[in-house]
Amino acid sequence: MSESSRALEDAPTIEAVVFDLGGVLIDWDPRHLYRKLIDDQALMEWFLEEVCSPAWNAEQDAGRSWNEGIDEAKARHPKHAELIEAYAARWPEMIGGDIAGSVALLEELAAIGVPLFALTNWSAETFPFARDRFGWLRLFQDILVSGEVRIKKPDPRIFHLLLQRIGVEPAAVVFIDDMPTNTAAAKALGLRAVRFTTPEALRASDEMQALLARS
């Protein structure tokens, strides 16, 4: 028996599973849009790193309005105003679809009665697009959206809010996320954090195997 398997046996029973959405269940990437708008790949990568950067996008995830975000970026790079405006105006084109293997696992967990929750860094203004597109989001008992509460991962406050909503002790919660900063923050608070890499690796994890064995 592996060390992680022994630790799992000694830990409290898993009472809830929390999924991140983008990068785990949903293929979201601004490149899906900007490959259509910028022919030069190097220029596209520069634009997404320096103009509409991950840090800039994260401000919308933390509650800043898209109007404010677009105006801020245009003030920095007025020559790219049209491309900047497209980030909000054509935002749905950044979603490539769902990540099929992860969604299949989610549906299996739901079918055997595992309580499911989601914690996502996502703008409150754009999350309705995901709700409309992905019917399987209804499998979650609750979805905590950073833009709605104006706190984003890895801030410990959003994990505390999550635990309040779930109502169980941290050690009984499995948290799945593709960002190491987020899994580290969850682990520091006592949650069982699983770093997502592929659907296959997630399914093979000790935590998922223990849950699926209940069926």
Foldseek 3Di string as FASTA:
>chain_A
DDPVLVVVVVFDAAQEEEEEFDPQWWPFDCCLVCVVVDVDPVVSVCCQPPQVDPVLQLQLLLADDLVVSLVVSCVVPVVCSVVSVCCPVVVVSRTPGTQVLNLVLLVLLLVLPRAYEYEYSDHPVPVVVVVVPDVSVVSHPYYHRNNVVSHHPPPLVVVVVVCVVVVDQQRNYEYEEQDPRNQVSSVVRPHNYDHDDHSVVVCPDSSNVVSSVSD
